[in-house]
Amino acid sequence: ELLETVDLRQSLTALSQPWLRLYGRLD
């Protein structure tokens, strides 16, 4: 349900801490 409904895209613009996003190119 959380995977389906949660959308933090706008909320995270307010994040002030250092943030590292890690991805797999083939994900």
mmCIF file of all heavy atoms, coordinates in Angstrom:
data_MODEL
# 
_entry.id   MODEL 
# 
loop_
_atom_site.group_PDB 
_atom_site.id 
_atom_site.type_symbol 
_atom_site.label_atom_id 
_atom_site.label_alt_id 
_atom_site.label_comp_id 
_atom_site.label_asym_id 
_atom_site.label_entity_id 
_atom_site.label_seq_id 
_atom_site.pdbx_PDB_ins_code 
_atom_site.Cartn_x 
_atom_site.Cartn_y 
_atom_site.Cartn_z 
_atom_site.occupancy 
_atom_site.B_iso_or_equiv 
_atom_site.pdbx_formal_charge 
_atom_site.auth_seq_id 
_atom_site.auth_comp_id 
_atom_site.auth_asym_id 
_atom_site.auth_atom_id 
_atom_site.pdbx_PDB_model_num 
ATOM 1   N N   . GLU A 1 1  ? 0.835  -1.204 0.000   1.00 0.00 ? 1  GLU A N   1 
ATOM 2   C CA  . GLU A 1 1  ? 0.000  0.000  0.000   1.00 0.00 ? 1  GLU A CA  1 
ATOM 3   C C   . GLU A 1 1  ? 0.872  1.257  0.000   1.00 0.00 ? 1  GLU A C   1 
ATOM 4   O O   . GLU A 1 1  ? 0.584  2.232  -0.711  1.00 0.00 ? 1  GLU A O   1 
ATOM 5   C CB  . GLU A 1 1  ? -0.914 -0.013 1.226   1.00 0.00 ? 1  GLU A CB  1 
ATOM 6   C CG  . GLU A 1 1  ? -1.829 1.189  1.342   1.00 0.00 ? 1  GLU A CG  1 
ATOM 7   C CD  . GLU A 1 1  ? -2.639 1.167  2.633   1.00 0.00 ? 1  GLU A CD  1 
ATOM 8   O OE1 . GLU A 1 1  ? -3.174 0.091  2.970   1.00 0.00 ? 1  GLU A OE1 1 
ATOM 9   O OE2 . GLU A 1 1  ? -2.709 2.211  3.289   1.00 0.00 ? 1  GLU A OE2 1 
ATOM 10  N N   . LEU A 1 2  ? 1.956  1.223  0.767   1.00 0.00 ? 2  LEU A N   1 
ATOM 11  C CA  . LEU A 1 2  ? 2.853  2.377  0.814   1.00 0.00 ? 2  LEU A CA  1 
ATOM 12  C C   . LEU A 1 2  ? 3.565  2.568  -0.524  1.00 0.00 ? 2  LEU A C   1 
ATOM 13  O O   . LEU A 1 2  ? 3.707  3.692  -1.016  1.00 0.00 ? 2  LEU A O   1 
ATOM 14  C CB  . LEU A 1 2  ? 3.885  2.208  1.934   1.00 0.00 ? 2  LEU A CB  1 
ATOM 15  C CG  . LEU A 1 2  ? 3.326  2.147  3.359   1.00 0.00 ? 2  LEU A CG  1 
ATOM 16  C CD1 . LEU A 1 2  ? 4.455  1.983  4.370   1.00 0.00 ? 2  LEU A CD1 1 
ATOM 17  C CD2 . LEU A 1 2  ? 2.495  3.384  3.676   1.00 0.00 ? 2  LEU A CD2 1 
ATOM 18  N N   . LEU A 1 3  ? 4.012  1.466  -1.129  1.00 0.00 ? 3  LEU A N   1 
ATOM 19  C CA  . LEU A 1 3  ? 4.656  1.558  -2.441  1.00 0.00 ? 3  LEU A CA  1 
ATOM 20  C C   . LEU A 1 3  ? 3.698  2.144  -3.475  1.00 0.00 ? 3  LEU A C   1 
ATOM 21  O O   . LEU A 1 3  ? 4.107  2.858  -4.388  1.00 0.00 ? 3  LEU A O   1 
ATOM 22  C CB  . LEU A 1 3  ? 5.127  0.174  -2.895  1.00 0.00 ? 3  LEU A CB  1 
ATOM 23  C CG  . LEU A 1 3  ? 6.315  -0.426 -2.134  1.00 0.00 ? 3  LEU A CG  1 
ATOM 24  C CD1 . LEU A 1 3  ? 6.558  -1.861 -2.585  1.00 0.00 ? 3  LEU A CD1 1 
ATOM 25  C CD2 . LEU A 1 3  ? 7.572  0.411  -2.324  1.00 0.00 ? 3  LEU A CD2 1 
ATOM 26  N N   . GLU A 1 4  ? 2.421  1.838  -3.302  1.00 0.00 ? 4  GLU A N   1 
ATOM 27  C CA  . GLU A 1 4  ? 1.416  2.291  -4.269  1.00 0.00 ? 4  GLU A CA  1 
ATOM 28  C C   . GLU A 1 4  ? 1.001  3.744  -4.051  1.00 0.00 ? 4  GLU A C   1 
ATOM 29  O O   . GLU A 1 4  ? 0.744  4.470  -5.013  1.00 0.00 ? 4  GLU A O   1 
ATOM 30  C CB  . GLU A 1 4  ? 0.177  1.390  -4.169  1.00 0.00 ? 4  GLU A CB  1 
ATOM 31  C CG  . GLU A 1 4  ? -0.909 1.736  -5.159  1.00 0.00 ? 4  GLU A CG  1 
ATOM 32  C CD  . GLU A 1 4  ? -2.099 0.795  -5.066  1.00 0.00 ? 4  GLU A CD  1 
ATOM 33  O OE1 . GLU A 1 4  ? -2.060 -0.126 -4.227  1.00 0.00 ? 4  GLU A OE1 1 
ATOM 34  O OE2 . GLU A 1 4  ? -3.053 0.988  -5.824  1.00 0.00 ? 4  GLU A OE2 1 
ATOM 35  N N   . THR A 1 5  ? 0.968  4.195  -2.807  1.00 0.00 ? 5  THR A N   1 
ATOM 36  C CA  . THR A 1 5  ? 0.335  5.488  -2.522  1.00 0.00 ? 5  THR A CA  1 
ATOM 37  C C   . THR A 1 5  ? 1.287  6.623  -2.128  1.00 0.00 ? 5  THR A C   1 
ATOM 38  O O   . THR A 1 5  ? 0.979  7.791  -2.355  1.00 0.00 ? 5  THR A O   1 
ATOM 39  C CB  . THR A 1 5  ? -0.698 5.332  -1.394  1.00 0.00 ? 5  THR A CB  1 
ATOM 40  O OG1 . THR A 1 5  ? -0.032 4.854  -0.213  1.00 0.00 ? 5  THR A OG1 1 
ATOM 41  C CG2 . THR A 1 5  ? -1.783 4.342  -1.793  1.00 0.00 ? 5  THR A CG2 1 
ATOM 42  N N   . VAL A 1 6  ? 2.427  6.304  -1.520  1.00 0.00 ? 6  VAL A N   1 
ATOM 43  C CA  . VAL A 1 6  ? 3.290  7.362  -0.998  1.00 0.00 ? 6  VAL A CA  1 
ATOM 44  C C   . VAL A 1 6  ? 3.967  8.125  -2.135  1.00 0.00 ? 6  VAL A C   1 
ATOM 45  O O   . VAL A 1 6  ? 4.507  7.537  -3.075  1.00 0.00 ? 6  VAL A O   1 
ATOM 46  C CB  . VAL A 1 6  ? 4.357  6.788  -0.042  1.00 0.00 ? 6  VAL A CB  1 
ATOM 47  C CG1 . VAL A 1 6  ? 5.366  7.864  0.347   1.00 0.00 ? 6  VAL A CG1 1 
ATOM 48  C CG2 . VAL A 1 6  ? 3.690  6.214  1.198   1.00 0.00 ? 6  VAL A CG2 1 
ATOM 49  N N   . ASP A 1 7  ? 3.934  9.437  -2.035  1.00 0.00 ? 7  ASP A N   1 
ATOM 50  C CA  . ASP A 1 7  ? 4.604  10.316 -3.000  1.00 0.00 ? 7  ASP A CA  1 
ATOM 51  C C   . ASP A 1 7  ? 5.258  11.456 -2.224  1.00 0.00 ? 7  ASP A C   1 
ATOM 52  O O   . ASP A 1 7  ? 4.592  12.400 -1.806  1.00 0.00 ? 7  ASP A O   1 
ATOM 53  C CB  . ASP A 1 7  ? 3.590  10.856 -4.007  1.00 0.00 ? 7  ASP A CB  1 
ATOM 54  C CG  . ASP A 1 7  ? 4.247  11.679 -5.114  1.00 0.00 ? 7  ASP A CG  1 
ATOM 55  O OD1 . ASP A 1 7  ? 5.455  11.973 -5.006  1.00 0.00 ? 7  ASP A OD1 1 
ATOM 56  O OD2 . ASP A 1 7  ? 3.540  12.036 -6.080  1.00 0.00 ? 7  ASP A OD2 1 
ATOM 57  N N   . LEU A 1 8  ? 6.566  11.356 -2.024  1.00 0.00 ? 8  LEU A N   1 
ATOM 58  C CA  . LEU A 1 8  ? 7.302  12.350 -1.236  1.00 0.00 ? 8  LEU A CA  1 
ATOM 59  C C   . LEU A 1 8  ? 8.061  13.344 -2.120  1.00 0.00 ? 8  LEU A C   1 
ATOM 60  O O   . LEU A 1 8  ? 8.900  14.094 -1.628  1.00 0.00 ? 8  LEU A O   1 
ATOM 61  C CB  . LEU A 1 8  ? 8.305  11.642 -0.315  1.00 0.00 ? 8  LEU A CB  1 
ATOM 62  C CG  . LEU A 1 8  ? 7.734  10.700 0.749   1.00 0.00 ? 8  LEU A CG  1 
ATOM 63  C CD1 . LEU A 1 8  ? 8.866  10.095 1.578   1.00 0.00 ? 8  LEU A CD1 1 
ATOM 64  C CD2 . LEU A 1 8  ? 6.747  11.419 1.658   1.00 0.00 ? 8  LEU A CD2 1 
ATOM 65  N N   . ARG A 1 9  ? 7.780  13.347 -3.418  1.00 0.00 ? 9  ARG A N   1 
ATOM 66  C CA  . ARG A 1 9  ? 8.569  14.179 -4.336  1.00 0.00 ? 9  ARG A CA  1 
ATOM 67  C C   . ARG A 1 9  ? 8.603  15.645 -3.919  1.00 0.00 ? 9  ARG A C   1 
ATOM 68  O O   . ARG A 1 9  ? 9.663  16.261 -3.903  1.00 0.00 ? 9  ARG A O   1 
ATOM 69  C CB  . ARG A 1 9  ? 8.030  14.035 -5.760  1.00 0.00 ? 9  ARG A CB  1 
ATOM 70  C CG  . ARG A 1 9  ? 8.377  12.706 -6.411  1.00 0.00 ? 9  ARG A CG  1 
ATOM 71  C CD  . ARG A 1 9  ? 7.772  12.606 -7.801  1.00 0.00 ? 9  ARG A CD  1 
ATOM 72  N NE  . ARG A 1 9  ? 6.325  12.508 -7.754  1.00 0.00 ? 9  ARG A NE  1 
ATOM 73  C CZ  . ARG A 1 9  ? 5.526  12.560 -8.819  1.00 0.00 ? 9  ARG A CZ  1 
ATOM 74  N NH1 . ARG A 1 9  ? 6.061  12.715 -10.023 1.00 0.00 ? 9  ARG A NH1 1 
ATOM 75  N NH2 . ARG A 1 9  ? 4.208  12.451 -8.685  1.00 0.00 ? 9  ARG A NH2 1 
ATOM 76  N N   . GLN A 1 10 ? 7.459  16.195 -3.589  1.00 0.00 ? 10 GLN A N   1 
ATOM 77  C CA  . GLN A 1 10 ? 7.412  17.606 -3.199  1.00 0.00 ? 10 GLN A CA  1 
ATOM 78  C C   . GLN A 1 10 ? 7.947  17.807 -1.782  1.00 0.00 ? 10 GLN A C   1 
ATOM 79  O O   . GLN A 1 10 ? 8.702  18.749 -1.516  1.00 0.00 ? 10 GLN A O   1 
ATOM 80  C CB  . GLN A 1 10 ? 5.973  18.127 -3.300  1.00 0.00 ? 10 GLN A CB  1 
ATOM 81  C CG  . GLN A 1 10 ? 5.841  19.626 -3.024  1.00 0.00 ? 10 GLN A CG  1 
ATOM 82  C CD  . GLN A 1 10 ? 6.696  20.475 -3.948  1.00 0.00 ? 10 GLN A CD  1 
ATOM 83  O OE1 . GLN A 1 10 ? 6.777  20.215 -5.151  1.00 0.00 ? 10 GLN A OE1 1 
ATOM 84  N NE2 . GLN A 1 10 ? 7.359  21.486 -3.403  1.00 0.00 ? 10 GLN A NE2 1 
ATOM 85  N N   . SER A 1 11 ? 7.586  16.921 -0.869  1.00 0.00 ? 11 SER A N   1 
ATOM 86  C CA  . SER A 1 11 ? 8.004  17.063 0.536   1.00 0.00 ? 11 SER A CA  1 
ATOM 87  C C   . SER A 1 11 ? 9.521  17.101 0.674   1.00 0.00 ? 11 SER A C   1 
ATOM 88  O O   . SER A 1 11 ? 10.073 17.853 1.483   1.00 0.00 ? 11 SER A O   1 
ATOM 89  C CB  . SER A 1 11 ? 7.447  15.905 1.371   1.00 0.00 ? 11 SER A CB  1 
ATOM 90  O OG  . SER A 1 11 ? 6.046  15.883 1.342   1.00 0.00 ? 11 SER A OG  1 
ATOM 91  N N   . LEU A 1 12 ? 10.228 16.294 -0.124  1.00 0.00 ? 12 LEU A N   1 
ATOM 92  C CA  . LEU A 1 12 ? 11.675 16.170 0.022   1.00 0.00 ? 12 LEU A CA  1 
ATOM 93  C C   . LEU A 1 12 ? 12.448 17.383 -0.490  1.00 0.00 ? 12 LEU A C   1 
ATOM 94  O O   . LEU A 1 12 ? 13.650 17.484 -0.268  1.00 0.00 ? 12 LEU A O   1 
ATOM 95  C CB  . LEU A 1 12 ? 12.164 14.900 -0.672  1.00 0.00 ? 12 LEU A CB  1 
ATOM 96  C CG  . LEU A 1 12 ? 11.857 13.602 0.090   1.00 0.00 ? 12 LEU A CG  1 
ATOM 97  C CD1 . LEU A 1 12 ? 12.140 12.379 -0.769  1.00 0.00 ? 12 LEU A CD1 1 
ATOM 98  C CD2 . LEU A 1 12 ? 12.655 13.531 1.390   1.00 0.00 ? 12 LEU A CD2 1 
ATOM 99  N N   . THR A 1 13 ? 11.758 18.322 -1.126  1.00 0.00 ? 13 THR A N   1 
ATOM 100 C CA  . THR A 1 13 ? 12.446 19.562 -1.510  1.00 0.00 ? 13 THR A CA  1 
ATOM 101 C C   . THR A 1 13 ? 12.841 20.362 -0.268  1.00 0.00 ? 13 THR A C   1 
ATOM 102 O O   . THR A 1 13 ? 13.726 21.204 -0.327  1.00 0.00 ? 13 THR A O   1 
ATOM 103 C CB  . THR A 1 13 ? 11.565 20.437 -2.422  1.00 0.00 ? 13 THR A CB  1 
ATOM 104 O OG1 . THR A 1 13 ? 10.332 20.738 -1.743  1.00 0.00 ? 13 THR A OG1 1 
ATOM 105 C CG2 . THR A 1 13 ? 11.255 19.708 -3.729  1.00 0.00 ? 13 THR A CG2 1 
ATOM 106 N N   . ALA A 1 14 ? 12.180 20.080 0.858   1.00 0.00 ? 14 ALA A N   1 
ATOM 107 C CA  . ALA A 1 14 ? 12.472 20.790 2.108   1.00 0.00 ? 14 ALA A CA  1 
ATOM 108 C C   . ALA A 1 14 ? 13.595 20.139 2.899   1.00 0.00 ? 14 ALA A C   1 
ATOM 109 O O   . ALA A 1 14 ? 14.024 20.662 3.936   1.00 0.00 ? 14 ALA A O   1 
ATOM 110 C CB  . ALA A 1 14 ? 11.217 20.851 2.976   1.00 0.00 ? 14 ALA A CB  1 
ATOM 111 N N   . LEU A 1 15 ? 14.093 18.988 2.437   1.00 0.00 ? 15 LEU A N   1 
ATOM 112 C CA  . LEU A 1 15 ? 15.137 18.270 3.172   1.00 0.00 ? 15 LEU A CA  1 
ATOM 113 C C   . LEU A 1 15 ? 16.418 19.101 3.229   1.00 0.00 ? 15 LEU A C   1 
ATOM 114 O O   . LEU A 1 15 ? 16.904 19.585 2.212   1.00 0.00 ? 15 LEU A O   1 
ATOM 115 C CB  . LEU A 1 15 ? 15.419 16.934 2.480   1.00 0.00 ? 15 LEU A CB  1 
ATOM 116 C CG  . LEU A 1 15 ? 16.184 15.901 3.286   1.00 0.00 ? 15 LEU A CG  1 
ATOM 117 C CD1 . LEU A 1 15 ? 15.290 15.329 4.372   1.00 0.00 ? 15 LEU A CD1 1 
ATOM 118 C CD2 . LEU A 1 15 ? 16.666 14.780 2.367   1.00 0.00 ? 15 LEU A CD2 1 
ATOM 119 N N   . SER A 1 16 ? 16.955 19.258 4.428   1.00 0.00 ? 16 SER A N   1 
ATOM 120 C CA  . SER A 1 16 ? 18.155 20.102 4.596   1.00 0.00 ? 16 SER A CA  1 
ATOM 121 C C   . SER A 1 16 ? 19.422 19.286 4.836   1.00 0.00 ? 16 SER A C   1 
ATOM 122 O O   . SER A 1 16 ? 20.532 19.799 4.674   1.00 0.00 ? 16 SER A O   1 
ATOM 123 C CB  . SER A 1 16 ? 17.942 21.066 5.770   1.00 0.00 ? 16 SER A CB  1 
ATOM 124 O OG  . SER A 1 16 ? 17.680 20.352 6.974   1.00 0.00 ? 16 SER A OG  1 
ATOM 125 N N   . GLN A 1 17 ? 19.273 18.028 5.226   1.00 0.00 ? 17 GLN A N   1 
ATOM 126 C CA  . GLN A 1 17 ? 20.447 17.202 5.514   1.00 0.00 ? 17 GLN A CA  1 
ATOM 127 C C   . GLN A 1 17 ? 21.165 16.797 4.222   1.00 0.00 ? 17 GLN A C   1 
ATOM 128 O O   . GLN A 1 17 ? 20.547 16.724 3.158   1.00 0.00 ? 17 GLN A O   1 
ATOM 129 C CB  . GLN A 1 17 ? 20.041 15.921 6.258   1.00 0.00 ? 17 GLN A CB  1 
ATOM 130 C CG  . GLN A 1 17 ? 19.346 16.133 7.561   1.00 0.00 ? 17 GLN A CG  1 
ATOM 131 C CD  . GLN A 1 17 ? 17.838 16.143 7.407   1.00 0.00 ? 17 GLN A CD  1 
ATOM 132 O OE1 . GLN A 1 17 ? 17.294 16.595 6.397   1.00 0.00 ? 17 GLN A OE1 1 
ATOM 133 N NE2 . GLN A 1 17 ? 17.136 15.644 8.421   1.00 0.00 ? 17 GLN A NE2 1 
ATOM 134 N N   . PRO A 1 18 ? 22.468 16.508 4.319   1.00 0.00 ? 18 PRO A N   1 
ATOM 135 C CA  . PRO A 1 18 ? 23.159 15.897 3.180   1.00 0.00 ? 18 PRO A CA  1 
ATOM 136 C C   . PRO A 1 18 ? 22.458 14.594 2.805   1.00 0.00 ? 18 PRO A C   1 
ATOM 137 O O   . PRO A 1 18 ? 22.121 13.790 3.674   1.00 0.00 ? 18 PRO A O   1 
ATOM 138 C CB  . PRO A 1 18 ? 24.573 15.637 3.717   1.00 0.00 ? 18 PRO A CB  1 
ATOM 139 C CG  . PRO A 1 18 ? 24.743 16.635 4.832   1.00 0.00 ? 18 PRO A CG  1 
ATOM 140 C CD  . PRO A 1 18 ? 23.380 16.763 5.455   1.00 0.00 ? 18 PRO A CD  1 
ATOM 141 N N   . TRP A 1 19 ? 22.255 14.401 1.517   1.00 0.00 ? 19 TRP A N   1 
ATOM 142 C CA  . TRP A 1 19 ? 21.468 13.259 1.040   1.00 0.00 ? 19 TRP A CA  1 
ATOM 143 C C   . TRP A 1 19 ? 22.196 12.596 -0.121  1.00 0.00 ? 19 TRP A C   1 
ATOM 144 O O   . TRP A 1 19 ? 22.542 13.259 -1.100  1.00 0.00 ? 19 TRP A O   1 
ATOM 145 C CB  . TRP A 1 19 ? 20.090 13.755 0.626   1.00 0.00 ? 19 TRP A CB  1 
ATOM 146 C CG  . TRP A 1 19 ? 19.168 12.720 0.039   1.00 0.00 ? 19 TRP A CG  1 
ATOM 147 C CD1 . TRP A 1 19 ? 19.277 11.374 0.105   1.00 0.00 ? 19 TRP A CD1 1 
ATOM 148 C CD2 . TRP A 1 19 ? 17.961 12.990 -0.698  1.00 0.00 ? 19 TRP A CD2 1 
ATOM 149 N NE1 . TRP A 1 19 ? 18.225 10.763 -0.544  1.00 0.00 ? 19 TRP A NE1 1 
ATOM 150 C CE2 . TRP A 1 19 ? 17.404 11.730 -1.043  1.00 0.00 ? 19 TRP A CE2 1 
ATOM 151 C CE3 . TRP A 1 19 ? 17.306 14.160 -1.090  1.00 0.00 ? 19 TRP A CE3 1 
ATOM 152 C CZ2 . TRP A 1 19 ? 16.227 11.636 -1.776  1.00 0.00 ? 19 TRP A CZ2 1 
ATOM 153 C CZ3 . TRP A 1 19 ? 16.136 14.054 -1.815  1.00 0.00 ? 19 TRP A CZ3 1 
ATOM 154 C CH2 . TRP A 1 19 ? 15.594 12.803 -2.147  1.00 0.00 ? 19 TRP A CH2 1 
ATOM 155 N N   . LEU A 1 20 ? 22.412 11.297 0.003   1.00 0.00 ? 20 LEU A N   1 
ATOM 156 C CA  . LEU A 1 20 ? 23.047 10.516 -1.052  1.00 0.00 ? 20 LEU A CA  1 
ATOM 157 C C   . LEU A 1 20 ? 22.031 9.529  -1.615  1.00 0.00 ? 20 LEU A C   1 
ATOM 158 O O   . LEU A 1 20 ? 21.464 8.726  -0.883  1.00 0.00 ? 20 LEU A O   1 
ATOM 159 C CB  . LEU A 1 20 ? 24.266 9.761  -0.508  1.00 0.00 ? 20 LEU A CB  1 
ATOM 160 C CG  . LEU A 1 20 ? 24.975 8.805  -1.481  1.00 0.00 ? 20 LEU A CG  1 
ATOM 161 C CD1 . LEU A 1 20 ? 25.550 9.573  -2.670  1.00 0.00 ? 20 LEU A CD1 1 
ATOM 162 C CD2 . LEU A 1 20 ? 26.071 8.028  -0.761  1.00 0.00 ? 20 LEU A CD2 1 
ATOM 163 N N   . ARG A 1 21 ? 21.823 9.592  -2.924  1.00 0.00 ? 21 ARG A N   1 
ATOM 164 C CA  . ARG A 1 21 ? 20.894 8.682  -3.607  1.00 0.00 ? 21 ARG A CA  1 
ATOM 165 C C   . ARG A 1 21 ? 21.706 7.668  -4.423  1.00 0.00 ? 21 ARG A C   1 
ATOM 166 O O   . ARG A 1 21 ? 22.499 8.051  -5.280  1.00 0.00 ? 21 ARG A O   1 
ATOM 167 C CB  . ARG A 1 21 ? 19.962 9.475  -4.527  1.00 0.00 ? 21 ARG A CB  1 
ATOM 168 C CG  . ARG A 1 21 ? 19.066 10.468 -3.795  1.00 0.00 ? 21 ARG A CG  1 
ATOM 169 C CD  . ARG A 1 21 ? 18.237 11.338 -4.748  1.00 0.00 ? 21 ARG A CD  1 
ATOM 170 N NE  . ARG A 1 21 ? 19.055 12.327 -5.439  1.00 0.00 ? 21 ARG A NE  1 
ATOM 171 C CZ  . ARG A 1 21 ? 19.334 12.306 -6.738  1.00 0.00 ? 21 ARG A CZ  1 
ATOM 172 N NH1 . ARG A 1 21 ? 18.866 11.326 -7.508  1.00 0.00 ? 21 ARG A NH1 1 
ATOM 173 N NH2 . ARG A 1 21 ? 20.077 13.243 -7.286  1.00 0.00 ? 21 ARG A NH2 1 
ATOM 174 N N   . LEU A 1 22 ? 21.500 6.387  -4.151  1.00 0.00 ? 22 LEU A N   1 
ATOM 175 C CA  . LEU A 1 22 ? 22.246 5.323  -4.832  1.00 0.00 ? 22 LEU A CA  1 
ATOM 176 C C   . LEU A 1 22 ? 21.315 4.527  -5.731  1.00 0.00 ? 22 LEU A C   1 
ATOM 177 O O   . LEU A 1 22 ? 20.193 4.178  -5.327  1.00 0.00 ? 22 LEU A O   1 
ATOM 178 C CB  . LEU A 1 22 ? 22.898 4.382  -3.814  1.00 0.00 ? 22 LEU A CB  1 
ATOM 179 C CG  . LEU A 1 22 ? 23.841 5.025  -2.783  1.00 0.00 ? 22 LEU A CG  1 
ATOM 180 C CD1 . LEU A 1 22 ? 24.433 3.963  -1.873  1.00 0.00 ? 22 LEU A CD1 1 
ATOM 181 C CD2 . LEU A 1 22 ? 24.952 5.792  -3.490  1.00 0.00 ? 22 LEU A CD2 1 
ATOM 182 N N   . TYR A 1 23 ? 21.784 4.233  -6.948  1.00 0.00 ? 23 TYR A N   1 
ATOM 183 C CA  . TYR A 1 23 ? 20.954 3.546  -7.930  1.00 0.00 ? 23 TYR A CA  1 
ATOM 184 C C   . TYR A 1 23 ? 21.722 2.423  -8.612  1.00 0.00 ? 23 TYR A C   1 
ATOM 185 O O   . TYR A 1 23 ? 22.943 2.478  -8.744  1.00 0.00 ? 23 TYR A O   1 
ATOM 186 C CB  . TYR A 1 23 ? 20.490 4.517  -9.026  1.00 0.00 ? 23 TYR A CB  1 
ATOM 187 C CG  . TYR A 1 23 ? 19.708 5.692  -8.524  1.00 0.00 ? 23 TYR A CG  1 
ATOM 188 C CD1 . TYR A 1 23 ? 20.333 6.899  -8.237  1.00 0.00 ? 23 TYR A CD1 1 
ATOM 189 C CD2 . TYR A 1 23 ? 18.333 5.594  -8.327  1.00 0.00 ? 23 TYR A CD2 1 
ATOM 190 C CE1 . TYR A 1 23 ? 19.615 7.991  -7.772  1.00 0.00 ? 23 TYR A CE1 1 
ATOM 191 C CE2 . TYR A 1 23 ? 17.604 6.683  -7.860  1.00 0.00 ? 23 TYR A CE2 1 
ATOM 192 C CZ  . TYR A 1 23 ? 18.247 7.878  -7.584  1.00 0.00 ? 23 TYR A CZ  1 
ATOM 193 O OH  . TYR A 1 23 ? 17.537 8.947  -7.117  1.00 0.00 ? 23 TYR A OH  1 
ATOM 194 N N   . GLY A 1 24 ? 20.974 1.421  -9.071  1.00 0.00 ? 24 GLY A N   1 
ATOM 195 C CA  . GLY A 1 24 ? 21.510 0.412  -9.981  1.00 0.00 ? 24 GLY A CA  1 
ATOM 196 C C   . GLY A 1 24 ? 21.022 0.756  -11.380 1.00 0.00 ? 24 GLY A C   1 
ATOM 197 O O   . GLY A 1 24 ? 19.816 0.922  -11.589 1.00 0.00 ? 24 GLY A O   1 
ATOM 198 N N   . ARG A 1 25 ? 21.926 0.864  -12.323 1.00 0.00 ? 25 ARG A N   1 
ATOM 199 C CA  . ARG A 1 25 ? 21.536 1.268  -13.685 1.00 0.00 ? 25 ARG A CA  1 
ATOM 200 C C   . ARG A 1 25 ? 20.559 0.279  -14.312 1.00 0.00 ? 25 ARG A C   1 
ATOM 201 O O   . ARG A 1 25 ? 19.757 0.640  -15.163 1.00 0.00 ? 25 ARG A O   1 
ATOM 202 C CB  . ARG A 1 25 ? 22.788 1.408  -14.561 1.00 0.00 ? 25 ARG A CB  1 
ATOM 203 C CG  . ARG A 1 25 ? 22.519 1.970  -15.964 1.00 0.00 ? 25 ARG A CG  1 
ATOM 204 C CD  . ARG A 1 25 ? 23.804 2.118  -16.768 1.00 0.00 ? 25 ARG A CD  1 
ATOM 205 N NE  . ARG A 1 25 ? 24.425 0.820  -16.999 1.00 0.00 ? 25 ARG A NE  1 
ATOM 206 C CZ  . ARG A 1 25 ? 24.093 -0.012 -17.974 1.00 0.00 ? 25 ARG A CZ  1 
ATOM 207 N NH1 . ARG A 1 25 ? 23.129 0.313  -18.825 1.00 0.00 ? 25 ARG A NH1 1 
ATOM 208 N NH2 . ARG A 1 25 ? 24.712 -1.166 -18.130 1.00 0.00 ? 25 ARG A NH2 1 
ATOM 209 N N   . LEU A 1 26 ? 20.601 -0.975 -13.889 1.00 0.00 ? 26 LEU A N   1 
ATOM 210 C CA  . LEU A 1 26 ? 19.771 -2.017 -14.486 1.00 0.00 ? 26 LEU A CA  1 
ATOM 211 C C   . LEU A 1 26 ? 18.524 -2.335 -13.657 1.00 0.00 ? 26 LEU A C   1 
ATOM 212 O O   . LEU A 1 26 ? 17.854 -3.333 -13.902 1.00 0.00 ? 26 LEU A O   1 
ATOM 213 C CB  . LEU A 1 26 ? 20.614 -3.293 -14.667 1.00 0.00 ? 26 LEU A CB  1 
ATOM 214 C CG  . LEU A 1 26 ? 21.920 -3.106 -15.442 1.00 0.00 ? 26 LEU A CG  1 
ATOM 215 C CD1 . LEU A 1 26 ? 22.740 -4.389 -15.449 1.00 0.00 ? 26 LEU A CD1 1 
ATOM 216 C CD2 . LEU A 1 26 ? 21.653 -2.640 -16.868 1.00 0.00 ? 26 LEU A CD2 1 
ATOM 217 N N   . ASP A 1 27 ? 18.219 -1.485 -12.691 1.00 0.00 ? 27 ASP A N   1 
ATOM 218 C CA  . ASP A 1 27 ? 17.113 -1.715 -11.764 1.00 0.00 ? 27 ASP A CA  1 
ATOM 219 C C   . ASP A 1 27 ? 15.770 -1.697 -12.490 1.00 0.00 ? 27 ASP A C   1 
ATOM 220 O O   . ASP A 1 27 ? 15.427 -0.724 -13.164 1.00 0.00 ? 27 ASP A O   1 
ATOM 221 C CB  . ASP A 1 27 ? 17.136 -0.638 -10.678 1.00 0.00 ? 27 ASP A CB  1 
ATOM 222 C CG  . ASP A 1 27 ? 16.276 -0.980 -9.475  1.00 0.00 ? 27 ASP A CG  1 
ATOM 223 O OD1 . ASP A 1 27 ? 15.370 -1.819 -9.607  1.00 0.00 ? 27 ASP A OD1 1 
ATOM 224 O OD2 . ASP A 1 27 ? 16.512 -0.399 -8.408  1.00 0.00 ? 27 ASP A OD2 1 
# 
